[in-house]
Amino acid sequence: MSMPTAPLLPGLDLHPLNAAVPAWRAAVGPAAWRQAFEAAAGAGARLGALWASDERDRGRGMTAHGLIVAFEGLVCLDLELDAEEYPDVSDLFPAAARMQRTIRDLLGLRSGADARGWVRHGAWRADTFPLRRDSGGERELSAGDPRYAFVRVDGEAVHEIAVGPVHAGTIEPGHFRFSVVGERVLKLEERLGYKHKGIERRFQALTLEDGARLAARVSGDSTVAYGWAYAQAVESATGMRPAARALWLRALFLERERIANHLGDLGALGNDAGLAFGLFQFSRLKEDVLRANERLFGHRYLMDRVVPGGVSADVDASGAAHLLGEADMLEREVVSLRSIYDDHAGLQERCINCGRLTPRTAARLGVVGLAARASGIAIDARAHPSLEPYDVLAPRVWAHRGGDVAARMAVRFDELLESLALQRRILSSLPAPGSQPARGEPPREHAFGIGWVEGWRGEVFVALDIGPDGRIRRCHPHDPSWQNWPAVEYAALGNIVPDFPLINKSFNLSYAGVDL
């Protein structure tokens, strides 16, 4: 892949990374950091991720990193700091606020006016920063959880409803603070980070092979997306080139992950809107898909099937025939169930105009993935930058402008059927075994790579820094839920509290993905 000079940020000294993904990197100062984000916002680019690293053992300072999704690809900015403060960009990209608060919790670097913690929750001392090189990690525990300063809404008849963090179902913990008049929501504020797992700390000093297993467990419903993004980062850093068949099998696994999750969500959405029939039918279909995964590829959720340099599972002729037959069955069932959903007056009454996120608000918040497409923003990394094999598969990007629960449901139906079509194309054109064997080089000292994959929920990024011993020095996995959780707060405004479970499920964001 040739790397043209990115015109989006003309004042930067951009250096292309290796060709696993189209990406550039630049070292900047504080003024250039801010100017680059201003230029990106003005040009319609998006914030990909923000994270930081402790570079003092390299004779440098703490370093903030920003990932911009430019039209040509990705631009990674590195800002080495002389002090423990760096320029705020949350006024340009609202999703940056919580990322900056997380950087404060984990490394002590300050940015932005909101000084509230995001992931610490009193689990370690306030002067302990787990991702610093001289930290003892999160074993330095502290007692108690400081009171969280929720934004209060005052006025006649206004009261608060606290929901969570423990919920009735088998879901991860999250706290939702509603300010309401009657049952009408005036404001919703989320507090997440109740299950901080120390994943980014755990990556440090792992081998690249062990890092792949950890990456696949960041968010269990997106194990293929994370596994592929991590593999891309390793391949970018080492110049490794997977076999063509392996890339096509990765796409097969990714689409099956999308199919399973969309089936599960459509059933849950029907149930939350009072149509238990939908839950029963879609749960049955999802279980069929998961059982086929186990039988053909060795794992229900395809965990560890994507590895750096290739894949750990293949499909033979009989397995391909089974998947083609399954696709025909699923298409018939899904089309039939969609007609039931579309014609069910009670279901449509609950979903239309419920939890609406306008295209303008979605764009301002930087929403990504299926939630963006349901609000008229047709972005999908499978179609652009369209990395192999999606450059050949040419998936259609489905979008709706309604921005409500009904639109997010419609996008799932459309994408589910599109994924079945992609699965057929993959199986009919799968390259022969042994073509284009993987090749690469031993990891160079301070080698750096980036992965970029459109998971079922949205874009997954992985940034990987390899140390001088060939082990992981720093790895930052980024979930699309970072961008989309603030949108749930907006979507709930003006709705009644009983509709919140339906609104929340229509986004179905990851609690684990923003709690590393």
Protein backbone atom coordinates (compact mmCIF):
# COMPACT_ATOMS: atom_id res chain seq x y z
CA MET A 1 0.00 0.00 0.00
CA SER A 2 1.48 3.34 -0.98
CA MET A 3 1.22 6.06 1.62
CA PRO A 4 0.47 9.52 0.19
CA THR A 5 1.10 12.57 2.32
CA ALA A 6 -2.05 13.27 4.31
CA PRO A 7 -3.38 16.71 3.30
CA LEU A 8 -5.75 16.99 6.26
CA LEU A 9 -3.15 18.31 8.71
CA PRO A 10 -0.62 20.08 6.46
CA GLY A 11 1.48 21.64 9.23
CA LEU A 12 2.60 18.33 10.72
CA ASP A 13 5.67 16.25 9.95
CA LEU A 14 3.78 13.03 9.27
CA HIS A 15 5.57 9.70 8.97
CA PRO A 16 3.76 6.71 7.44
CA LEU A 17 3.48 3.53 9.47
CA ASN A 18 3.67 0.10 7.90
CA ALA A 19 0.93 -0.95 5.54
CA ALA A 20 -1.42 -3.09 7.67
CA VAL A 21 -3.65 -0.01 7.90
CA PRO A 22 -3.34 3.44 6.26
CA ALA A 23 -1.84 5.43 9.14
CA TRP A 24 0.62 8.22 9.82
CA ARG A 25 2.34 9.40 12.99
CA ALA A 26 3.67 12.79 14.12
CA ALA A 27 5.35 14.23 17.22
CA VAL A 28 3.81 17.56 18.22
CA GLY A 29 4.09 20.25 20.89
CA PRO A 30 1.19 21.55 22.99
CA ALA A 31 0.23 24.30 20.52
CA ALA A 32 0.39 21.94 17.53
CA TRP A 33 -1.67 19.35 19.46
CA ARG A 34 -4.50 21.79 19.89
CA GLN A 35 -4.14 23.15 16.33
CA ALA A 36 -4.22 19.65 14.86
CA PHE A 37 -7.47 18.81 16.63
CA GLU A 38 -8.96 22.15 15.60
CA ALA A 39 -8.02 21.46 11.97
CA ALA A 40 -9.43 17.94 12.22
CA ALA A 41 -12.74 19.19 13.65
CA GLY A 42 -12.97 21.89 11.00
CA ALA A 43 -12.38 19.38 8.21
CA GLY A 44 -15.02 16.95 9.47
CA ALA A 45 -12.55 14.36 10.74
CA ARG A 46 -13.32 12.35 13.87
CA LEU A 47 -11.66 11.59 17.18
CA GLY A 48 -10.54 7.98 17.22
CA ALA A 49 -9.01 7.69 20.69
CA LEU A 50 -7.00 9.42 23.43
CA TRP A 51 -4.56 7.65 25.75
CA ALA A 52 -1.19 8.29 27.39
CA SER A 53 2.02 6.49 28.29
CA ASP A 54 4.92 6.84 30.70
CA GLU A 55 8.06 7.33 28.59
CA ARG A 56 10.44 8.31 31.41
CA ASP A 57 12.35 5.03 31.21
CA ARG A 58 13.24 6.03 27.65
CA GLY A 59 14.68 9.33 28.83
CA ARG A 60 11.55 11.21 27.78
CA GLY A 61 8.55 12.58 29.61
CA MET A 62 4.96 11.48 29.97
CA THR A 63 3.33 11.39 26.55
CA ALA A 64 -0.26 11.95 25.49
CA HIS A 65 -1.44 10.22 22.32
CA GLY A 66 -4.34 11.19 20.09
CA LEU A 67 -5.79 9.25 17.18
CA ILE A 68 -7.63 11.19 14.48
CA VAL A 69 -9.73 9.39 11.89
CA ALA A 70 -8.89 11.34 8.74
CA PHE A 71 -10.37 10.76 5.32
CA GLU A 72 -7.13 9.15 4.11
CA GLY A 73 -6.72 6.96 7.18
CA LEU A 74 -5.48 7.45 10.74
CA VAL A 75 -3.21 10.14 12.15
CA CYS A 76 -1.55 9.37 15.50
CA LEU A 77 -0.24 12.40 17.42
CA ASP A 78 2.37 12.09 20.19
CA LEU A 79 2.68 14.96 22.66
CA GLU A 80 5.66 14.69 25.02
CA LEU A 81 4.93 16.67 28.19
CA ASP A 82 7.20 18.76 30.38
CA ALA A 83 4.48 19.07 33.02
CA GLU A 84 1.48 16.99 34.05
CA GLU A 85 -1.01 18.98 32.00
CA TYR A 86 -1.89 19.04 28.30
CA PRO A 87 -4.40 20.98 26.15
CA ASP A 88 -8.08 20.10 26.45
CA VAL A 89 -9.88 19.05 23.23
CA SER A 90 -13.27 18.11 24.70
CA ASP A 91 -14.81 21.33 23.36
CA LEU A 92 -13.95 20.08 19.86
CA PHE A 93 -14.75 16.40 20.44
CA PRO A 94 -17.13 15.87 23.40
CA ALA A 95 -16.22 12.19 23.78
CA ALA A 96 -12.69 13.28 24.70
CA ALA A 97 -13.85 14.42 28.15
CA ARG A 98 -14.14 10.94 29.65
CA MET A 99 -10.99 9.74 27.90
CA GLN A 100 -9.09 12.65 29.44
CA ARG A 101 -10.54 11.87 32.88
CA THR A 102 -9.38 8.26 32.49
CA ILE A 103 -5.87 9.43 31.60
CA ARG A 104 -5.90 11.49 34.81
CA ASP A 105 -6.93 8.44 36.86
CA LEU A 106 -4.34 6.10 35.35
CA LEU A 107 -1.35 8.41 34.79
CA GLY A 108 -2.06 11.64 36.67
CA LEU A 109 -2.01 13.84 33.57
CA ARG A 110 -4.53 16.67 33.72
CA SER A 111 -6.68 18.12 30.96
CA GLY A 112 -10.10 19.76 30.91
CA ALA A 113 -12.25 21.38 33.56
CA ASP A 114 -13.91 18.17 34.79
CA ALA A 115 -11.60 16.84 37.51
CA ARG A 116 -13.93 14.04 38.64
CA GLY A 117 -12.47 10.56 38.49
CA TRP A 118 -13.82 8.14 35.92
CA VAL A 119 -12.44 4.66 36.69
CA ARG A 120 -10.74 4.97 40.09
CA HIS A 121 -13.88 4.66 42.28
CA GLY A 122 -11.72 4.76 45.39
CA ALA A 123 -10.17 1.43 44.44
CA TRP A 124 -6.64 2.77 44.85
CA ARG A 125 -5.15 5.79 46.54
CA ALA A 126 -5.68 9.16 44.91
CA ASP A 127 -1.90 9.64 44.58
CA THR A 128 -1.42 6.26 42.89
CA PHE A 129 -1.40 6.10 39.10
CA PRO A 130 -1.38 2.47 37.94
CA LEU A 131 0.08 3.01 34.46
CA ARG A 132 3.15 4.88 35.66
CA ARG A 133 6.32 2.81 35.40
CA ASP A 134 7.16 3.33 39.07
CA SER A 135 3.68 2.40 40.30
CA GLY A 136 2.97 -0.69 42.31
CA GLY A 137 -0.19 -1.10 40.25
CA GLU A 138 -3.71 -1.36 41.52
CA ARG A 139 -2.70 -3.39 44.57
CA GLU A 140 -2.25 -0.15 46.47
CA LEU A 141 -5.89 -0.15 47.53
CA SER A 142 -7.74 2.48 49.51
CA ALA A 143 -10.91 2.14 51.53
CA GLY A 144 -14.20 3.70 50.57
CA ASP A 145 -15.60 5.29 47.46
CA PRO A 146 -15.64 9.11 47.44
CA ARG A 147 -19.02 10.67 46.77
CA TYR A 148 -19.43 11.33 43.06
CA ALA A 149 -20.48 14.87 42.16
CA PHE A 150 -23.40 14.22 39.84
CA VAL A 151 -24.68 17.35 38.07
CA ARG A 152 -27.83 18.37 39.93
CA VAL A 153 -31.01 19.68 38.33
CA ASP A 154 -33.03 21.93 40.63
CA GLY A 155 -36.59 23.14 40.24
CA GLU A 156 -40.14 22.58 41.35
CA ALA A 157 -41.20 18.91 41.21
CA VAL A 158 -37.75 17.78 40.03
CA HIS A 159 -36.48 14.65 41.71
CA GLU A 160 -33.79 12.04 41.10
CA ILE A 161 -34.04 8.35 40.32
CA ALA A 162 -30.90 6.29 40.84
CA VAL A 163 -30.60 3.09 38.81
CA GLY A 164 -27.77 0.61 39.30
CA PRO A 165 -24.89 -0.05 39.35
CA VAL A 166 -26.22 -3.53 40.13
CA HIS A 167 -29.00 -4.56 37.74
CA ALA A 168 -31.55 -7.34 37.71
CA GLY A 169 -30.18 -9.05 34.61
CA THR A 170 -26.82 -10.65 33.87
CA ILE A 171 -25.31 -7.43 32.59
CA GLU A 172 -22.27 -5.49 33.69
CA PRO A 173 -22.62 -2.72 36.30
CA GLY A 174 -23.37 0.87 35.43
CA HIS A 175 -25.06 3.65 37.37
CA PHE A 176 -27.65 5.94 35.77
CA ARG A 177 -28.83 9.07 37.59
CA PHE A 178 -32.11 10.43 36.19
CA SER A 179 -33.42 13.92 36.96
CA VAL A 180 -37.12 13.79 36.21
CA VAL A 181 -40.42 15.60 36.48
CA GLY A 182 -43.03 12.90 36.83
CA GLU A 183 -41.64 10.24 34.52
CA ARG A 184 -40.21 12.66 31.92
CA VAL A 185 -36.39 12.70 31.80
CA LEU A 186 -34.85 16.16 32.14
CA LYS A 187 -31.28 14.91 32.45
CA LEU A 188 -29.43 11.61 32.56
CA GLU A 189 -25.88 11.19 33.80
CA GLU A 190 -23.95 7.94 33.64
CA ARG A 191 -21.26 6.64 35.91
CA LEU A 192 -19.34 3.64 34.61
CA GLY A 193 -16.04 2.01 35.50
CA TYR A 194 -17.22 -0.32 38.27
CA LYS A 195 -15.26 -3.35 37.05
CA HIS A 196 -11.86 -1.89 36.30
CA LYS A 197 -9.79 -4.91 35.30
CA GLY A 198 -6.33 -3.42 34.84
CA ILE A 199 -6.12 -4.69 31.26
CA GLU A 200 -3.77 -1.99 30.00
CA ARG A 201 -1.42 -2.63 32.91
CA ARG A 202 -1.64 -6.37 32.29
CA PHE A 203 -0.55 -5.95 28.68
CA GLN A 204 2.83 -4.62 29.80
CA ALA A 205 5.64 -7.15 29.34
CA LEU A 206 3.40 -9.81 27.78
CA THR A 207 4.64 -11.59 24.70
CA LEU A 208 2.92 -10.68 21.45
CA GLU A 209 1.26 -14.10 21.48
CA ASP A 210 -0.11 -13.72 25.01
CA GLY A 211 -1.18 -10.17 24.18
CA ALA A 212 -3.42 -11.56 21.45
CA ARG A 213 -5.29 -13.68 24.01
CA LEU A 214 -5.77 -10.68 26.29
CA ALA A 215 -6.94 -8.43 23.44
CA ALA A 216 -9.60 -10.99 22.52
CA ARG A 217 -11.01 -10.69 26.05
CA VAL A 218 -11.39 -6.91 26.30
CA SER A 219 -15.10 -7.14 25.45
CA GLY A 220 -16.35 -10.66 24.96
CA ASP A 221 -19.07 -9.87 22.41
CA SER A 222 -16.43 -8.30 20.13
CA THR A 223 -13.66 -10.87 20.45
CA VAL A 224 -13.12 -11.15 16.68
CA ALA A 225 -12.99 -7.38 16.18
CA TYR A 226 -10.45 -6.92 18.98
CA GLY A 227 -8.46 -9.97 17.91
CA TRP A 228 -8.23 -8.69 14.34
CA ALA A 229 -7.36 -5.12 15.37
CA TYR A 230 -4.61 -6.42 17.66
CA ALA A 231 -3.31 -8.69 14.90
CA GLN A 232 -3.25 -5.71 12.53
CA ALA A 233 -1.23 -3.73 15.06
CA VAL A 234 1.32 -6.55 15.40
CA GLU A 235 1.46 -6.98 11.63
CA SER A 236 1.86 -3.23 11.15
CA ALA A 237 4.74 -3.13 13.65
CA THR A 238 6.56 -6.17 12.25
CA GLY A 239 5.78 -5.99 8.54
CA MET A 240 4.04 -9.35 8.73
CA ARG A 241 1.71 -10.20 5.84
CA PRO A 242 -1.03 -12.77 6.51
CA ALA A 243 -2.04 -15.25 3.85
CA ALA A 244 -4.94 -14.16 1.64
CA ARG A 245 -7.06 -17.07 2.88
CA ALA A 246 -6.46 -16.02 6.48
CA LEU A 247 -7.72 -12.48 5.75
CA TRP A 248 -10.87 -13.84 4.13
CA LEU A 249 -11.45 -16.19 7.07
CA ARG A 250 -11.08 -13.23 9.44
CA ALA A 251 -13.82 -11.46 7.49
CA LEU A 252 -15.99 -14.58 7.76
CA PHE A 253 -15.50 -14.65 11.54
CA LEU A 254 -16.18 -10.92 11.83
CA GLU A 255 -19.45 -11.19 9.91
CA ARG A 256 -20.55 -14.16 12.00
CA GLU A 257 -19.85 -12.10 15.12
CA ARG A 258 -22.03 -9.34 13.66
CA ILE A 259 -24.80 -11.81 12.76
CA ALA A 260 -24.88 -13.34 16.25
CA ASN A 261 -24.98 -9.98 18.03
CA HIS A 262 -27.63 -8.48 15.77
CA LEU A 263 -29.81 -11.57 16.23
CA GLY A 264 -29.47 -11.29 20.01
CA ASP A 265 -30.20 -7.55 20.04
CA LEU A 266 -33.27 -7.81 17.83
CA GLY A 267 -34.73 -10.39 20.18
CA ALA A 268 -33.92 -8.31 23.26
CA LEU A 269 -35.39 -5.16 21.68
CA GLY A 270 -38.61 -6.97 20.91
CA ASN A 271 -38.77 -8.20 24.48
CA ASP A 272 -38.09 -4.75 25.96
CA ALA A 273 -40.94 -3.38 23.86
CA GLY A 274 -43.33 -6.07 25.11
CA LEU A 275 -43.03 -8.62 22.30
CA ALA A 276 -41.64 -11.69 24.05
CA PHE A 277 -42.25 -13.73 20.88
CA GLY A 278 -39.36 -11.87 19.24
CA LEU A 279 -36.98 -12.77 22.06
CA PHE A 280 -37.82 -16.46 21.76
CA GLN A 281 -37.40 -16.56 17.98
CA PHE A 282 -34.21 -14.53 17.68
CA SER A 283 -32.64 -16.29 20.67
CA ARG A 284 -33.26 -19.60 18.91
CA LEU A 285 -31.58 -18.36 15.75
CA LYS A 286 -28.61 -16.91 17.65
CA GLU A 287 -28.11 -20.19 19.46
CA ASP A 288 -28.04 -22.02 16.11
CA VAL A 289 -25.25 -19.69 14.93
CA LEU A 290 -23.23 -20.10 18.13
CA ARG A 291 -23.53 -23.89 18.00
CA ALA A 292 -22.33 -23.87 14.40
CA ASN A 293 -19.35 -21.77 15.46
CA GLU A 294 -18.48 -24.29 18.15
CA ARG A 295 -18.84 -27.25 15.82
CA LEU A 296 -16.92 -25.78 12.87
CA PHE A 297 -14.38 -23.46 14.50
CA GLY A 298 -14.03 -24.70 18.08
CA HIS A 299 -15.53 -21.78 20.01
CA ARG A 300 -19.05 -20.41 20.28
CA TYR A 301 -17.86 -16.79 20.18
CA LEU A 302 -14.83 -17.45 17.93
CA MET A 303 -12.41 -16.42 20.66
CA ASP A 304 -8.71 -16.77 19.72
CA ARG A 305 -9.62 -17.74 16.15
CA VAL A 306 -7.77 -14.62 14.90
CA VAL A 307 -4.06 -14.58 15.74
CA PRO A 308 -1.17 -12.35 14.63
CA GLY A 309 -0.10 -13.51 11.18
CA GLY A 310 -3.24 -15.46 10.41
CA VAL A 311 -6.02 -17.52 11.95
CA SER A 312 -6.18 -20.63 14.14
CA ALA A 313 -9.20 -22.25 12.43
CA ASP A 314 -10.23 -23.05 8.87
CA VAL A 315 -13.32 -24.30 7.09
CA ASP A 316 -13.54 -27.30 4.77
CA ALA A 317 -16.00 -28.01 1.97
CA SER A 318 -18.58 -29.65 4.21
CA GLY A 319 -18.35 -26.80 6.71
CA ALA A 320 -18.80 -24.24 3.93
CA ALA A 321 -21.86 -26.12 2.68
CA HIS A 322 -23.34 -26.05 6.17
CA LEU A 323 -22.77 -22.29 6.47
CA LEU A 324 -24.37 -21.65 3.09
CA GLY A 325 -27.42 -23.65 4.11
CA GLU A 326 -27.52 -21.83 7.43
CA ALA A 327 -27.41 -18.46 5.60
CA ASP A 328 -30.42 -19.43 3.48
CA MET A 329 -32.34 -20.51 6.57
CA LEU A 330 -31.45 -17.36 8.50
CA GLU A 331 -32.43 -15.11 5.61
CA ARG A 332 -35.88 -16.69 5.35
CA GLU A 333 -36.44 -16.48 9.09
CA VAL A 334 -35.14 -12.91 9.47
CA VAL A 335 -37.21 -11.60 6.55
CA SER A 336 -40.31 -13.22 8.04
CA LEU A 337 -39.60 -11.86 11.53
CA ARG A 338 -38.92 -8.41 10.14
CA SER A 339 -42.35 -8.33 8.56
CA ILE A 340 -43.86 -9.24 11.95
CA TYR A 341 -41.88 -6.49 13.69
CA ASP A 342 -42.80 -3.91 11.05
CA ASP A 343 -46.51 -4.80 11.19
CA HIS A 344 -46.81 -5.02 14.97
CA ALA A 345 -48.55 -1.80 16.01
CA GLY A 346 -47.60 -2.08 19.68
CA LEU A 347 -43.92 -2.60 18.89
CA GLN A 348 -43.80 0.29 16.43
CA GLU A 349 -45.61 2.56 18.89
CA ARG A 350 -42.88 1.90 21.46
CA CYS A 351 -39.97 2.33 19.03
CA ILE A 352 -40.83 5.18 16.64
CA ASN A 353 -39.64 8.57 17.99
CA CYS A 354 -38.31 6.85 21.11
CA GLY A 355 -34.74 7.76 22.10
CA ARG A 356 -34.22 9.95 19.04
CA LEU A 357 -30.72 11.15 18.24
CA THR A 358 -30.82 13.65 15.38
CA PRO A 359 -28.16 13.52 12.65
CA ARG A 360 -26.86 16.91 13.79
CA THR A 361 -26.50 15.82 17.42
CA ALA A 362 -24.95 12.49 16.43
CA ALA A 363 -22.37 14.29 14.28
CA ARG A 364 -21.59 16.80 17.02
CA LEU A 365 -21.05 14.03 19.56
CA GLY A 366 -18.91 11.98 17.17
CA VAL A 367 -21.15 8.92 17.32
CA VAL A 368 -19.85 5.88 15.41
CA GLY A 369 -20.96 2.46 14.26
CA LEU A 370 -24.53 1.32 13.85
CA ALA A 371 -25.77 4.16 16.09
CA ALA A 372 -24.23 6.68 13.68
CA ARG A 373 -25.69 4.94 10.66
CA ALA A 374 -29.14 4.98 12.28
CA SER A 375 -28.78 8.77 12.53
CA GLY A 376 -27.89 9.23 8.87
CA ILE A 377 -24.08 9.15 9.20
CA ALA A 378 -22.95 6.50 6.71
CA ILE A 379 -19.52 5.59 8.12
CA ASP A 380 -18.22 2.03 8.14
CA ALA A 381 -14.54 1.06 8.14
CA ARG A 382 -15.38 -2.02 6.09
CA ALA A 383 -16.33 0.28 3.21
CA HIS A 384 -13.79 3.04 3.88
CA PRO A 385 -10.83 2.57 4.03
CA SER A 386 -12.02 -0.86 2.83
CA LEU A 387 -9.02 -2.96 3.84
CA GLU A 388 -8.49 -6.44 2.37
CA PRO A 389 -10.68 -8.40 1.76
CA TYR A 390 -13.47 -5.82 2.05
CA ASP A 391 -12.01 -3.97 -0.93
CA VAL A 392 -13.20 -6.96 -2.98
CA LEU A 393 -16.31 -7.82 -0.97
CA ALA A 394 -17.61 -4.23 -1.28
CA PRO A 395 -20.17 -4.26 1.56
CA ARG A 396 -23.11 -1.93 1.31
CA VAL A 397 -23.37 0.67 4.07
CA TRP A 398 -26.94 0.84 5.38
CA ALA A 399 -28.12 4.07 6.98
CA HIS A 400 -31.40 5.57 8.21
CA ARG A 401 -32.09 9.14 9.26
CA GLY A 402 -34.73 8.50 11.95
CA GLY A 403 -32.17 8.27 14.77
CA ASP A 404 -34.68 6.53 17.06
CA VAL A 405 -35.03 3.00 18.41
CA ALA A 406 -36.89 2.01 15.24
CA ALA A 407 -34.01 3.24 13.06
CA ARG A 408 -31.40 1.42 15.14
CA MET A 409 -33.51 -1.70 14.85
CA ALA A 410 -33.82 -1.24 11.06
CA VAL A 411 -30.05 -0.87 10.69
CA ARG A 412 -29.60 -4.17 12.52
CA PHE A 413 -32.01 -5.92 10.17
CA ASP A 414 -30.30 -4.45 7.10
CA GLU A 415 -26.80 -5.26 8.33
CA LEU A 416 -27.78 -8.76 9.35
CA LEU A 417 -29.00 -9.56 5.85
CA GLU A 418 -25.93 -7.84 4.35
CA SER A 419 -23.63 -9.97 6.53
CA LEU A 420 -25.36 -13.12 5.30
CA ALA A 421 -24.71 -11.96 1.73
CA LEU A 422 -21.06 -11.23 2.58
CA GLN A 423 -20.71 -14.67 4.14
CA ARG A 424 -21.90 -16.23 0.89
CA ARG A 425 -19.42 -14.14 -1.11
CA ILE A 426 -16.57 -15.10 1.19
CA LEU A 427 -17.32 -18.80 1.02
CA SER A 428 -17.69 -18.75 -2.78
CA SER A 429 -14.39 -16.89 -3.31
CA LEU A 430 -12.23 -18.14 -0.45
CA PRO A 431 -8.56 -18.26 -1.60
CA ALA A 432 -6.91 -21.64 -1.73
CA PRO A 433 -4.94 -22.84 1.31
CA GLY A 434 -1.26 -21.95 1.37
CA SER A 435 -1.51 -18.82 -0.76
CA GLN A 436 0.62 -15.84 0.28
CA PRO A 437 2.21 -17.23 3.45
CA ALA A 438 2.73 -14.86 6.35
CA ARG A 439 6.10 -13.21 6.52
CA GLY A 440 7.62 -10.54 8.68
CA GLU A 441 10.62 -9.56 10.72
CA PRO A 442 11.56 -9.73 14.40
CA PRO A 443 10.02 -6.79 16.26
CA ARG A 444 12.28 -3.75 16.10
CA GLU A 445 13.01 -1.79 19.25
CA HIS A 446 10.18 0.69 19.84
CA ALA A 447 8.22 -0.68 16.87
CA PHE A 448 4.69 0.76 16.77
CA GLY A 449 1.55 -0.43 15.05
CA ILE A 450 -2.15 0.40 14.80
CA GLY A 451 -5.19 -1.78 14.11
CA TRP A 452 -8.55 -0.54 12.81
CA VAL A 453 -11.57 -2.86 12.44
CA GLU A 454 -15.29 -2.17 12.11
CA GLY A 455 -16.80 -4.39 14.76
CA TRP A 456 -20.54 -5.00 15.02
CA ARG A 457 -20.89 -2.08 17.45
CA GLY A 458 -18.50 0.29 15.63
CA GLU A 459 -14.80 0.99 15.12
CA VAL A 460 -12.30 -0.87 17.29
CA PHE A 461 -8.75 0.50 17.48
CA VAL A 462 -5.62 -1.05 18.99
CA ALA A 463 -2.37 0.91 19.38
CA LEU A 464 0.68 -1.24 20.15
CA ASP A 465 4.18 -0.23 21.25
CA ILE A 466 6.79 -3.02 21.33
CA GLY A 467 9.73 -2.80 23.73
CA PRO A 468 13.40 -3.63 23.07
CA ASP A 469 12.93 -7.23 24.21
CA GLY A 470 10.18 -7.87 21.66
CA ARG A 471 7.49 -7.81 24.36
CA ILE A 472 4.58 -5.42 24.71
CA ARG A 473 5.58 -2.10 26.18
CA ARG A 474 2.19 -0.40 25.90
CA CYS A 475 -1.07 -1.51 24.33
CA HIS A 476 -4.20 0.61 24.20
CA PRO A 477 -7.43 -1.04 22.95
CA HIS A 478 -10.26 1.39 22.20
CA ASP A 479 -13.95 0.51 22.11
CA PRO A 480 -16.55 2.46 20.08
CA SER A 481 -18.63 2.71 23.26
CA TRP A 482 -16.36 5.58 24.37
CA GLN A 483 -17.88 7.69 21.59
CA ASN A 484 -21.44 6.44 22.01
CA TRP A 485 -22.14 6.37 25.76
CA PRO A 486 -22.60 10.19 25.91
CA ALA A 487 -25.15 9.86 23.10
CA VAL A 488 -27.32 7.62 25.28
CA GLU A 489 -27.65 10.52 27.74
CA TYR A 490 -28.92 12.77 24.93
CA ALA A 491 -31.21 10.14 23.45
CA ALA A 492 -32.99 9.69 26.78
CA LEU A 493 -33.92 13.37 27.13
CA GLY A 494 -37.66 14.03 26.95
CA ASN A 495 -38.54 10.34 27.11
CA ILE A 496 -40.21 8.60 30.02
CA VAL A 497 -38.13 6.57 32.45
CA PRO A 498 -39.78 3.21 31.53
CA ASP A 499 -38.51 3.65 27.97
CA PHE A 500 -34.88 3.88 29.08
CA PRO A 501 -34.19 0.10 28.99
CA LEU A 502 -35.40 0.06 25.38
CA ILE A 503 -33.30 3.11 24.46
CA ASN A 504 -30.23 1.73 26.21
CA LYS A 505 -30.59 -1.66 24.52
CA SER A 506 -30.99 -0.03 21.10
CA PHE A 507 -27.40 1.23 21.48
CA ASN A 508 -26.23 -1.86 23.42
CA LEU A 509 -22.88 -0.40 24.40
CA SER A 510 -20.06 -2.14 26.20
CA TYR A 511 -19.47 -1.44 29.90
CA ALA A 512 -16.25 -3.48 29.79
CA GLY A 513 -14.91 -1.67 26.74
CA VAL A 514 -14.68 1.65 28.63
CA ASP A 515 -13.39 0.05 31.84
CA LEU A 516 -9.90 -1.21 31.06
